[in-house]
C-alpha atoms as a PDB file:
ATOM      1  CA  MET A   1       1.346 -15.856 -22.141  1.00  0.00           C
ATOM      2  CA  PRO A   2      -1.375 -18.267 -20.692  1.00  0.00           C
ATOM      3  CA  ARG A   3      -0.549 -19.767 -17.376  1.00  0.00           C
ATOM      4  CA  ASN A   4      -0.858 -23.529 -16.788  1.00  0.00           C
ATOM      5  CA  GLY A   5      -2.756 -24.745 -13.884  1.00  0.00           C
ATOM      6  CA  HIS A   6       0.145 -25.426 -11.619  1.00  0.00           C
ATOM      7  CA  GLU A   7       1.778 -22.052 -12.277  1.00  0.00           C
ATOM      8  CA  GLY A   8      -1.667 -20.302 -11.998  1.00  0.00           C
ATOM      9  CA  SER A   9      -2.228 -21.992  -8.551  1.00  0.00           C
ATOM     10  CA  ILE A  10       1.214 -20.838  -7.211  1.00  0.00           C
ATOM     11  CA  GLU A  11       0.760 -17.351  -8.619  1.00  0.00           C
ATOM     12  CA  ASP A  12      -2.867 -17.182  -7.065  1.00  0.00           C
ATOM     13  CA  ALA A  13      -1.463 -18.431  -3.647  1.00  0.00           C
ATOM     14  CA  ARG A  14       1.211 -15.495  -3.770  1.00  0.00           C
ATOM     15  CA  LEU A  15      -1.408 -13.052  -4.655  1.00  0.00           C
ATOM     16  CA  LEU A  16      -3.497 -14.061  -1.792  1.00  0.00           C
ATOM     17  CA  GLU A  17      -0.472 -13.891   0.539  1.00  0.00           C
ATOM     18  CA  VAL A  18       0.033 -10.235  -0.467  1.00  0.00           C
ATOM     19  CA  ILE A  19      -3.637  -9.504  -0.022  1.00  0.00           C
ATOM     20  CA  GLY A  20      -3.657 -11.266   3.342  1.00  0.00           C
ATOM     21  CA  ASP A  21      -0.509  -9.254   4.543  1.00  0.00           C
ATOM     22  CA  VAL A  22      -1.884  -5.705   3.847  1.00  0.00           C
ATOM     23  CA  CYS A  23      -5.802  -5.830   3.614  1.00  0.00           C
ATOM     24  CA  GLY A  24      -6.234  -5.488   7.381  1.00  0.00           C
ATOM     25  CA  LEU A  25      -3.665  -2.654   8.036  1.00  0.00           C
ATOM     26  CA  LEU A  26      -5.767   0.385   8.607  1.00  0.00           C
ATOM     27  CA  ASP A  27      -3.001   2.393  10.081  1.00  0.00           C
ATOM     28  CA  LEU A  28      -1.060   4.147   7.320  1.00  0.00           C
ATOM     29  CA  GLU A  29       2.423   3.839   8.756  1.00  0.00           C
ATOM     30  CA  GLU A  30       1.932   0.155   9.326  1.00  0.00           C
ATOM     31  CA  LEU A  31       0.347  -0.289   5.922  1.00  0.00           C
ATOM     32  CA  ARG A  32       3.366   1.466   4.151  1.00  0.00           C
ATOM     33  CA  ARG A  33       5.816  -0.789   6.038  1.00  0.00           C
ATOM     34  CA  GLY A  34       3.819  -3.969   5.690  1.00  0.00           C
ATOM     35  CA  LEU A  35       3.166  -3.342   1.903  1.00  0.00           C
ATOM     36  CA  LEU A  36       7.028  -2.990   1.292  1.00  0.00           C
ATOM     37  CA  ALA A  37       7.629  -6.083   3.236  1.00  0.00           C
ATOM     38  CA  ALA A  38       4.959  -8.105   1.304  1.00  0.00           C
ATOM     39  CA  LEU A  39       6.235  -7.004  -2.019  1.00  0.00           C
ATOM     40  CA  ASP A  40       9.814  -7.798  -1.156  1.00  0.00           C
ATOM     41  CA  ARG A  41       8.777 -11.370  -0.298  1.00  0.00           C
ATOM     42  CA  VAL A  42       6.993 -12.096  -3.544  1.00  0.00           C
ATOM     43  CA  LEU A  43       9.121  -9.880  -5.869  1.00  0.00           C
ATOM     44  CA  PRO A  44      12.526 -10.107  -4.269  1.00  0.00           C
ATOM     45  CA  SER A  45      14.394  -6.960  -4.780  1.00  0.00           C
ATOM     46  CA  ASP A  46      17.814  -5.334  -3.664  1.00  0.00           C
ATOM     47  CA  TYR A  47      15.894  -2.015  -2.656  1.00  0.00           C
ATOM     48  CA  VAL A  48      12.076  -1.373  -2.260  1.00  0.00           C
ATOM     49  CA  SER A  49      10.877   2.058  -1.806  1.00  0.00           C
ATOM     50  CA  LEU A  50       7.656   4.184  -1.797  1.00  0.00           C
ATOM     51  CA  ASN A  51       6.781   7.666  -1.699  1.00  0.00           C
ATOM     52  CA  ASP A  52       3.315   8.647  -0.207  1.00  0.00           C
ATOM     53  CA  VAL A  53       2.486  12.153  -1.911  1.00  0.00           C
ATOM     54  CA  HIS A  54       0.273  14.275   0.100  1.00  0.00           C
ATOM     55  CA  PRO A  55      -1.245  17.665  -0.980  1.00  0.00           C
ATOM     56  CA  ASP A  56       0.557  19.039   2.021  1.00  0.00           C
ATOM     57  CA  PRO A  57       4.229  18.665   1.306  1.00  0.00           C
ATOM     58  CA  GLU A  58       5.121  18.353   5.041  1.00  0.00           C
ATOM     59  CA  ARG A  59       3.032  15.211   5.124  1.00  0.00           C
ATOM     60  CA  THR A  60       4.629  13.379   2.165  1.00  0.00           C
ATOM     61  CA  VAL A  61       6.354  10.299   3.394  1.00  0.00           C
ATOM     62  CA  THR A  62       9.206   8.479   1.860  1.00  0.00           C
ATOM     63  CA  ILE A  63      10.624   5.020   2.878  1.00  0.00           C
ATOM     64  CA  VAL A  64      13.553   3.180   1.352  1.00  0.00           C
ATOM     65  CA  GLU A  65      14.643  -0.313   2.535  1.00  0.00           C
ATOM     66  CA  PRO A  66      17.375  -0.981   2.989  1.00  0.00           C
ATOM     67  CA  ASP A  67      18.433   2.599   3.478  1.00  0.00           C
ATOM     68  CA  ALA A  68      20.696   4.184   0.781  1.00  0.00           C
ATOM     69  CA  PRO A  69      23.846   6.029   1.684  1.00  0.00           C
ATOM     70  CA  ALA A  70      23.013   9.583   2.692  1.00  0.00           C
ATOM     71  CA  ASP A  71      24.917  11.330  -0.168  1.00  0.00           C
ATOM     72  CA  LEU A  72      22.815   9.433  -2.752  1.00  0.00           C
ATOM     73  CA  TYR A  73      19.564  11.096  -1.597  1.00  0.00           C
ATOM     74  CA  ALA A  74      20.934  14.670  -2.676  1.00  0.00           C
ATOM     75  CA  ILE A  75      21.723  13.172  -6.028  1.00  0.00           C
ATOM     76  CA  TRP A  76      18.306  11.765  -6.334  1.00  0.00           C
ATOM     77  CA  ALA A  77      16.666  15.110  -5.437  1.00  0.00           C
ATOM     78  CA  GLU A  78      18.892  16.756  -8.146  1.00  0.00           C
ATOM     79  CA  LEU A  79      18.361  14.183 -10.932  1.00  0.00           C
ATOM     80  CA  ALA A  80      15.025  12.420 -10.340  1.00  0.00           C
ATOM     81  CA  HIS A  81      13.465  14.045 -13.413  1.00  0.00           C
ATOM     82  CA  GLU A  82      15.633  11.818 -15.388  1.00  0.00           C
ATOM     83  CA  ASN A  83      14.215   8.680 -14.129  1.00  0.00           C
ATOM     84  CA  PRO A  84      12.697   7.060 -17.209  1.00  0.00           C
ATOM     85  CA  LEU A  85       9.687   5.468 -15.336  1.00  0.00           C
ATOM     86  CA  LEU A  86       8.939   8.908 -13.651  1.00  0.00           C
ATOM     87  CA  ARG A  87       9.164  10.593 -16.938  1.00  0.00           C
ATOM     88  CA  TYR A  88       6.851   7.855 -18.559  1.00  0.00           C
ATOM     89  CA  TYR A  89       4.276   8.347 -15.789  1.00  0.00           C
ATOM     90  CA  VAL A  90       4.361  12.058 -16.156  1.00  0.00           C
ATOM     91  CA  ARG A  91       3.829  11.842 -19.915  1.00  0.00           C
ATOM     92  CA  THR A  92       1.077   8.975 -19.902  1.00  0.00           C
ATOM     93  CA  LEU A  93      -0.469   8.953 -16.345  1.00  0.00           C
ATOM     94  CA  ASP A  94      -0.457   5.222 -16.829  1.00  0.00           C
ATOM     95  CA  GLY A  95       0.164   3.972 -13.237  1.00  0.00           C
ATOM     96  CA  ARG A  96       0.476   0.243 -14.066  1.00  0.00           C
ATOM     97  CA  ALA A  97       3.665  -1.564 -13.304  1.00  0.00           C
ATOM     98  CA  ASN A  98       6.457  -0.857 -15.933  1.00  0.00           C
ATOM     99  CA  ARG A  99      10.156  -1.609 -16.121  1.00  0.00           C
ATOM    100  CA  PHE A 100      13.112   0.307 -17.172  1.00  0.00           C
ATOM    101  CA  SER A 101      13.227  -2.167 -20.073  1.00  0.00           C
ATOM    102  CA  ASP A 102       9.721  -1.382 -21.073  1.00  0.00           C
ATOM    103  CA  VAL A 103      10.449   2.293 -21.695  1.00  0.00           C
ATOM    104  CA  ILE A 104      14.052   2.788 -22.427  1.00  0.00           C
ATOM    105  CA  SER A 105      16.938   0.911 -23.980  1.00  0.00           C
ATOM    106  CA  PRO A 106      20.022  -0.299 -21.954  1.00  0.00           C
ATOM    107  CA  ALA A 107      22.238   2.248 -23.825  1.00  0.00           C
ATOM    108  CA  GLU A 108      19.745   5.129 -23.298  1.00  0.00           C
ATOM    109  CA  LEU A 109      19.624   4.239 -19.577  1.00  0.00           C
ATOM    110  CA  GLN A 110      23.492   4.066 -19.184  1.00  0.00           C
ATOM    111  CA  ALA A 111      23.774   7.362 -20.901  1.00  0.00           C
ATOM    112  CA  LEU A 112      21.873   9.165 -18.272  1.00  0.00           C
ATOM    113  CA  GLU A 113      23.777  11.202 -15.519  1.00  0.00           C
ATOM    114  CA  LEU A 114      21.258   9.696 -13.044  1.00  0.00           C
ATOM    115  CA  TYR A 115      22.407   6.242 -13.909  1.00  0.00           C
ATOM    116  CA  ARG A 116      26.099   6.912 -13.649  1.00  0.00           C
ATOM    117  CA  ARG A 117      25.967   8.981 -10.361  1.00  0.00           C
ATOM    118  CA  LEU A 118      23.099   7.140  -8.555  1.00  0.00           C
ATOM    119  CA  TYR A 119      22.354   3.620  -9.864  1.00  0.00           C
ATOM    120  CA  VAL A 120      25.839   2.589 -10.569  1.00  0.00           C
ATOM    121  CA  PRO A 121      26.919   3.229  -6.894  1.00  0.00           C
ATOM    122  CA  MET A 122      23.815   1.499  -5.574  1.00  0.00           C
ATOM    123  CA  GLY A 123      24.246  -1.504  -7.979  1.00  0.00           C
ATOM    124  CA  VAL A 124      20.911  -0.962  -9.592  1.00  0.00           C
ATOM    125  CA  GLU A 125      20.391  -2.061 -13.293  1.00  0.00           C
ATOM    126  CA  TYR A 126      16.747  -2.876 -13.252  1.00  0.00           C
ATOM    127  CA  GLN A 127      13.622  -1.215 -11.797  1.00  0.00           C
ATOM    128  CA  MET A 128       9.920  -1.721 -11.868  1.00  0.00           C
ATOM    129  CA  ALA A 129       7.390   0.894 -10.480  1.00  0.00           C
ATOM    130  CA  PHE A 130       3.764   1.461 -10.325  1.00  0.00           C
ATOM    131  CA  THR A 131       1.428   3.855  -8.519  1.00  0.00           C
ATOM    132  CA  LEU A 132      -1.688   3.595  -6.216  1.00  0.00           C
ATOM    133  CA  PRO A 133      -3.749   6.661  -6.760  1.00  0.00           C
ATOM    134  CA  ALA A 134      -6.141   7.854  -4.115  1.00  0.00           C
ATOM    135  CA  GLY A 135      -7.424  11.213  -5.568  1.00  0.00           C
ATOM    136  CA  PRO A 136      -6.284  14.666  -6.631  1.00  0.00           C
ATOM    137  CA  GLU A 137      -2.716  15.040  -5.776  1.00  0.00           C
ATOM    138  CA  ARG A 138      -2.537  12.061  -3.516  1.00  0.00           C
ATOM    139  CA  VAL A 139      -0.757   9.052  -4.837  1.00  0.00           C
ATOM    140  CA  LEU A 140       1.449   6.298  -3.442  1.00  0.00           C
ATOM    141  CA  ALA A 141       4.412   5.342  -5.875  1.00  0.00           C
ATOM    142  CA  ILE A 142       6.198   2.241  -5.421  1.00  0.00           C
ATOM    143  CA  ALA A 143       9.670   1.352  -6.942  1.00  0.00           C
ATOM    144  CA  LEU A 144      11.450  -2.082  -6.850  1.00  0.00           C
ATOM    145  CA  SER A 145      15.008  -2.264  -7.856  1.00  0.00           C
ATOM    146  CA  ARG A 146      17.609  -4.989  -8.611  1.00  0.00           C
ATOM    147  CA  GLY A 147      21.236  -5.330  -9.877  1.00  0.00           C
ATOM    148  CA  GLU A 148      21.342  -8.903 -11.227  1.00  0.00           C
ATOM    149  CA  ARG A 149      18.337  -9.606 -13.300  1.00  0.00           C
ATOM    150  CA  ASP A 150      15.411  -7.837 -14.780  1.00  0.00           C
ATOM    151  CA  TYR A 151      11.877  -8.288 -13.545  1.00  0.00           C
ATOM    152  CA  SER A 152      10.140 -11.026 -15.732  1.00  0.00           C
ATOM    153  CA  ASP A 153       6.928 -10.342 -17.700  1.00  0.00           C
ATOM    154  CA  ALA A 154       5.238 -12.694 -15.096  1.00  0.00           C
ATOM    155  CA  GLU A 155       6.485 -10.636 -12.216  1.00  0.00           C
ATOM    156  CA  ARG A 156       5.273  -7.334 -13.917  1.00  0.00           C
ATOM    157  CA  ASP A 157       1.925  -9.038 -14.603  1.00  0.00           C
ATOM    158  CA  PHE A 158       1.793 -10.161 -10.921  1.00  0.00           C
ATOM    159  CA  ALA A 159       2.222  -6.543  -9.847  1.00  0.00           C
ATOM    160  CA  ASN A 160      -0.506  -5.384 -12.027  1.00  0.00           C
ATOM    161  CA  ARG A 161      -2.976  -8.105 -10.673  1.00  0.00           C
ATOM    162  CA  ALA A 162      -2.142  -7.259  -7.098  1.00  0.00           C
ATOM    163  CA  ARG A 163      -2.313  -3.425  -7.909  1.00  0.00           C
ATOM    164  CA  PRO A 164      -6.217  -3.047  -7.615  1.00  0.00           C
ATOM    165  CA  PHE A 165      -6.210  -4.805  -4.133  1.00  0.00           C
ATOM    166  CA  LEU A 166      -3.176  -2.636  -2.913  1.00  0.00           C
ATOM    167  CA  ILE A 167      -5.145   0.427  -4.106  1.00  0.00           C
ATOM    168  CA  GLN A 168      -8.137  -0.533  -2.011  1.00  0.00           C
ATOM    169  CA  ALA A 169      -6.045  -1.252   1.090  1.00  0.00           C
ATOM    170  CA  TYR A 170      -4.365   2.235   0.657  1.00  0.00           C
ATOM    171  CA  LEU A 171      -7.844   3.877   0.308  1.00  0.00           C
ATOM    172  CA  ASN A 172      -9.005   1.990   3.265  1.00  0.00           C
ATOM    173  CA  ALA A 173      -6.228   3.353   5.415  1.00  0.00           C
ATOM    174  CA  ILE A 174      -6.705   6.849   4.153  1.00  0.00           C
ATOM    175  CA  ALA A 175     -10.437   6.764   5.001  1.00  0.00           C
ATOM    176  CA  PHE A 176      -9.613   5.440   8.383  1.00  0.00           C
ATOM    177  CA  ALA A 177      -7.163   8.087   9.105  1.00  0.00           C
ATOM    178  CA  ALA A 178      -9.570  10.713   7.962  1.00  0.00           C
ATOM    179  CA  SER A 179     -12.222   9.481  10.212  1.00  0.00           C
ATOM    180  CA  ARG A 180     -10.278   9.824  13.137  1.00  0.00           C
ATOM    181  CA  GLU A 181      -9.437  13.518  12.432  1.00  0.00           C
ATOM    182  CA  LEU A 182     -13.150  14.428  11.822  1.00  0.00           C
ATOM    183  CA  PRO A 183     -14.234  17.522  13.646  1.00  0.00           C
ATOM    184  CA  GLY A 184     -17.071  16.971  16.082  1.00  0.00           C
ATOM    185  CA  SER A 185     -16.107  13.319  16.757  1.00  0.00           C
ATOM    186  CA  GLY A 186     -15.750  14.119  20.453  1.00  0.00           C
ATOM    187  CA  ARG A 187     -12.159  12.581  20.300  1.00  0.00           C
ATOM    188  CA  ARG A 188      -8.762  13.853  19.555  1.00  0.00           C
ATOM    189  CA  ALA A 189      -7.054  12.608  16.255  1.00  0.00           C
ATOM    190  CA  GLY A 190      -5.265   9.434  16.896  1.00  0.00           C
ATOM    191  CA  GLU A 191      -7.569   8.120  19.786  1.00  0.00           C
ATOM    192  CA  ASP A 192      -8.931   4.727  18.920  1.00  0.00           C
ATOM    193  CA  GLY A 193     -12.286   4.694  20.614  1.00  0.00           C
ATOM    194  CA  GLY A 194     -11.369   1.459  22.542  1.00  0.00           C
ATOM    195  CA  THR A 195     -14.088   1.597  25.090  1.00  0.00           C
ATOM    196  CA  ASP A 196     -16.850   2.023  22.552  1.00  0.00           C
ATOM    197  CA  LEU A 197     -15.354  -0.725  20.183  1.00  0.00           C
ATOM    198  CA  LEU A 198     -15.186  -3.173  23.029  1.00  0.00           C
ATOM    199  CA  THR A 199     -18.681  -2.459  24.257  1.00  0.00           C
ATOM    200  CA  GLY A 200     -20.243  -2.809  20.908  1.00  0.00           C
ATOM    201  CA  LEU A 201     -18.375  -6.020  20.323  1.00  0.00           C
ATOM    202  CA  LEU A 202     -19.178  -7.447  23.660  1.00  0.00           C
ATOM    203  CA  ALA A 203     -22.957  -6.725  23.165  1.00  0.00           C
ATOM    204  CA  GLU A 204     -22.714  -8.392  19.642  1.00  0.00           C
ATOM    205  CA  GLY A 205     -21.774 -11.739  21.662  1.00  0.00           C
ATOM    206  CA  LEU A 206     -18.026 -11.857  21.327  1.00  0.00           C
ATOM    207  CA  THR A 207     -15.997 -12.890  24.338  1.00  0.00           C
ATOM    208  CA  ARG A 208     -13.813 -10.327  25.968  1.00  0.00           C
ATOM    209  CA  ARG A 209     -10.680 -11.725  24.246  1.00  0.00           C
ATOM    210  CA  GLU A 210     -12.415 -11.943  20.892  1.00  0.00           C
ATOM    211  CA  SER A 211     -13.484  -8.339  21.342  1.00  0.00           C
ATOM    212  CA  GLU A 212      -9.855  -7.287  22.204  1.00  0.00           C
ATOM    213  CA  VAL A 213      -8.518  -8.911  19.028  1.00  0.00           C
ATOM    214  CA  VAL A 214     -11.155  -7.324  16.838  1.00  0.00           C
ATOM    215  CA  ARG A 215     -10.601  -3.962  18.326  1.00  0.00           C
ATOM    216  CA  LEU A 216      -6.988  -4.064  17.459  1.00  0.00           C
ATOM    217  CA  VAL A 217      -7.784  -5.182  13.894  1.00  0.00           C
ATOM    218  CA  ALA A 218     -10.251  -2.063  13.690  1.00  0.00           C
ATOM    219  CA  VAL A 219      -7.483   0.314  14.636  1.00  0.00           C
ATOM    220  CA  GLY A 220      -5.136  -1.137  11.993  1.00  0.00           C
ATOM    221  CA  ARG A 221      -3.037  -3.720  13.962  1.00  0.00           C
ATOM    222  CA  SER A 222      -1.526  -6.766  12.074  1.00  0.00           C
ATOM    223  CA  ASN A 223      -1.780 -10.309  13.719  1.00  0.00           C
ATOM    224  CA  HIS A 224       1.843 -10.041  14.679  1.00  0.00           C
ATOM    225  CA  HIS A 225       1.215  -6.828  16.744  1.00  0.00           C
ATOM    226  CA  ILE A 226      -1.907  -8.261  18.172  1.00  0.00           C
ATOM    227  CA  ALA A 227      -0.118 -11.344  19.380  1.00  0.00           C
ATOM    228  CA  GLN A 228       2.522  -9.091  20.986  1.00  0.00           C
ATOM    229  CA  GLU A 229       0.255  -6.632  22.569  1.00  0.00           C
ATOM    230  CA  LEU A 230      -2.011  -9.309  24.090  1.00  0.00           C
ATOM    231  CA  GLY A 231       0.706 -11.784  25.004  1.00  0.00           C
ATOM    232  CA  ILE A 232      -0.823 -14.549  22.908  1.00  0.00           C
ATOM    233  CA  SER A 233       0.414 -16.763  19.936  1.00  0.00           C
ATOM    234  CA  HIS A 234      -0.064 -15.858  16.259  1.00  0.00           C
ATOM    235  CA  ARG A 235      -2.176 -19.009  15.858  1.00  0.00           C
ATOM    236  CA  THR A 236      -4.415 -17.978  18.840  1.00  0.00           C
ATOM    237  CA  VAL A 237      -5.117 -14.603  17.236  1.00  0.00           C
ATOM    238  CA  GLY A 238      -6.243 -16.501  14.032  1.00  0.00           C
ATOM    239  CA  LYS A 239      -8.632 -18.736  15.998  1.00  0.00           C
ATOM    240  CA  HIS A 240     -10.128 -15.576  17.862  1.00  0.00           C
ATOM    241  CA  LEU A 241     -10.538 -13.818  14.404  1.00  0.00           C
ATOM    242  CA  GLU A 242     -12.069 -17.059  12.989  1.00  0.00           C
ATOM    243  CA  HIS A 243     -14.749 -17.290  15.784  1.00  0.00           C
ATOM    244  CA  SER A 244     -15.276 -13.360  15.638  1.00  0.00           C
ATOM    245  CA  PHE A 245     -15.852 -13.325  11.921  1.00  0.00           C
ATOM    246  CA  ARG A 246     -18.597 -16.093  12.257  1.00  0.00           C
ATOM    247  CA  LYS A 247     -20.322 -14.109  15.094  1.00  0.00           C
ATOM    248  CA  LEU A 248     -20.094 -10.737  13.183  1.00  0.00           C
ATOM    249  CA  GLY A 249     -21.256 -12.424   9.964  1.00  0.00           C
ATOM    250  CA  VAL A 250     -18.195 -11.279   8.001  1.00  0.00           C
ATOM    251  CA  GLY A 251     -15.431 -12.997   5.934  1.00  0.00           C
ATOM    252  CA  ASP A 252     -12.452 -10.887   6.200  1.00  0.00           C
ATOM    253  CA  ARG A 253     -10.394  -8.351   8.325  1.00  0.00           C
ATOM    254  CA  SER A 254     -11.609  -5.153   6.535  1.00  0.00           C
ATOM    255  CA  SER A 255     -15.308  -6.183   6.968  1.00  0.00           C
ATOM    256  CA  ALA A 256     -14.710  -7.003  10.509  1.00  0.00           C
ATOM    257  CA  ALA A 257     -13.192  -3.553  11.251  1.00  0.00           C
ATOM    258  CA  THR A 258     -16.063  -1.882   9.329  1.00  0.00           C
ATOM    259  CA  ARG A 259     -18.588  -3.720  11.542  1.00  0.00           C
ATOM    260  CA  ALA A 260     -16.664  -2.958  14.807  1.00  0.00           C
ATOM    261  CA  TRP A 261     -16.807   0.811  13.978  1.00  0.00           C
ATOM    262  CA  THR A 262     -20.549   0.486  12.978  1.00  0.00           C
ATOM    263  CA  LEU A 263     -21.334  -1.108  16.335  1.00  0.00           C
ATOM    264  CA  ALA A 264     -19.308   1.649  18.148  1.00  0.00           C
ATOM    265  CA  GLY A 265     -21.305   4.263  16.319  1.00  0.00           C
ATOM    266  CA  ARG A 266     -18.411   5.761  14.534  1.00  0.00           C
ATOM    267  CA  LEU A 267     -18.906   4.591  10.982  1.00  0.00           C
ATOM    268  CA  GLY A 268     -20.123   8.098   9.693  1.00  0.00           C
ATOM    269  CA  GLY A 269     -16.615   9.286   9.121  1.00  0.00           C
ATOM    270  CA  LEU A 270     -15.644   6.121   7.062  1.00  0.00           C
ATOM    271  CA  ALA A 271     -18.803   6.014   4.861  1.00  0.00           C
ATOM    272  CA  GLY A 272     -17.515   8.517   2.267  1.00  0.00           C
ATOM    273  CA  GLY A 273     -14.120   6.765   2.041  1.00  0.00           C
ATOM    274  CA  ARG A 274     -15.804   3.385   1.631  1.00  0.00           C
ATOM    275  CA  ALA A 275     -17.991   4.652  -1.209  1.00  0.00           C
ATOM    276  CA  LEU A 276     -14.907   6.107  -2.913  1.00  0.00           C
ATOM    277  CA  ILE A 277     -13.094   2.719  -2.447  1.00  0.00           C
ATOM    278  CA  SER A 278     -15.968   0.890  -4.051  1.00  0.00           C
ATOM    279  CA  ARG A 279     -16.257   3.378  -7.105  1.00  0.00           C
ATOM    280  CA  THR A 280     -12.409   3.470  -7.577  1.00  0.00           C
ATOM    281  CA  VAL A 281     -11.982  -0.477  -7.523  1.00  0.00           C
ATOM    282  CA  ASP A 282     -15.055  -0.995  -9.651  1.00  0.00           C
ATOM    283  CA  ASP A 283     -13.536   1.394 -12.234  1.00  0.00           C
ATOM    284  CA  ALA A 284     -10.347  -0.964 -12.607  1.00  0.00           C
ATOM    285  CA  ASP A 285      -9.934  -2.226 -16.196  1.00  0.00           C
ATOM    286  CA  ASN A 286      -7.126  -4.614 -16.657  1.00  0.00           C
ATOM    287  CA  GLY A 287      -5.247  -2.799 -13.909  1.00  0.00           C
ATOM    288  CA  VAL A 288      -5.784   0.723 -15.363  1.00  0.00           C
ATOM    289  CA  LEU A 289      -7.904   2.954 -13.125  1.00  0.00           C
ATOM    290  CA  ALA A 290      -9.998   5.773 -14.369  1.00  0.00           C
ATOM    291  CA  GLY A 291      -8.451   7.813 -11.481  1.00  0.00           C
ATOM    292  CA  ASP A 292      -4.992   7.459 -13.011  1.00  0.00           C
ATOM    293  CA  ARG A 293      -5.812   9.874 -15.813  1.00  0.00           C
ATOM    294  CA  ALA A 294      -8.580  11.993 -14.300  1.00  0.00           C
ATOM    295  CA  ALA A 295      -7.417  12.400 -10.802  1.00  0.00           C
ATOM    296  CA  VAL A 296      -3.816  12.398 -10.390  1.00  0.00           C
ATOM    297  CA  GLY A 297      -2.095  15.253 -12.230  1.00  0.00           C
ATOM    298  CA  ALA A 298       1.474  15.242 -13.768  1.00  0.00           C
ATOM    299  CA  GLU A 299       2.190  18.243 -11.214  1.00  0.00           C
ATOM    300  CA  ALA A 300       1.846  15.835  -8.259  1.00  0.00           C
ATOM    301  CA  LEU A 301       4.226  13.368  -9.745  1.00  0.00           C
ATOM    302  CA  GLU A 302       6.710  16.027 -10.722  1.00  0.00           C
ATOM    303  CA  HIS A 303       6.614  17.096  -7.142  1.00  0.00           C
ATOM    304  CA  ALA A 304       7.191  13.420  -5.981  1.00  0.00           C
ATOM    305  CA  GLY A 305      10.390  13.263  -8.162  1.00  0.00           C
ATOM    306  CA  LEU A 306      11.743  16.758  -7.616  1.00  0.00           C
ATOM    307  CA  ALA A 307      10.877  17.266  -3.862  1.00  0.00           C
ATOM    308  CA  GLY A 308      11.513  14.252  -1.949  1.00  0.00           C
ATOM    309  CA  GLU A 309      10.973  10.938  -3.324  1.00  0.00           C
ATOM    310  CA  GLN A 310      13.939   8.739  -2.667  1.00  0.00           C
ATOM    311  CA  PRO A 311      15.643   6.229  -4.994  1.00  0.00           C
END
């Protein structure tokens, strides 16, 4: 359905809010948490969850907010293969946002053992899920669940509009994490190169406080965390970033982070990841990524459903 001007402006503002919340989060843990919080604000849900499926099962991460009762996790592990959205994804490898109501009738849903033993105790009647693919056997699956009302067509369309930007943020964080683990970098994984970053930014003409703010952006901190760490207001962080962007010749947080690492002489590890990001996002067509079908196998999603993804 076509959007009128007012509705389109509101939706665009909400989309920009989500992008702004996650685009500068390069730390994977902070991105995961920030992504769920951002989605819950614009698509209010009773439960928001994600499963970051890694080729190494020990590095697969699951987050559910709010946390579900402990006994329900065992039920999910036993019956996840019945989830209609997981079954649809395994069959089609279509990672766009879909709802229970898009793939199964209410009667069919309520006949499932998974529904009776898991969703009824949780009070869940409606669910919408989508994936953020990042390559062979690496995918982030997101599920939003409600009890009172279904997700509307507009909410599903909004999730699909946001999805390419969220994929890029996810890939940015993966590339950043990989760059910090590269052999021969001269640093242990997890060290943030703070001295090199500050030196490069100061040499570029930033003040010490501007350099400190951009350094923290470059290591994946949000404005909230930067304000806390430096003991300044959220508004002051924004002003420092505004001045820093102008001096660095960039227009957003991701570009500022890339510029900071370039100045520090540490971009080499990110170059391959940035190229992957550009190729993947450029391949997006109406929210369907080529990588959905070519790179993410059904085996990985079966693993997600049967070996750790939470409700």
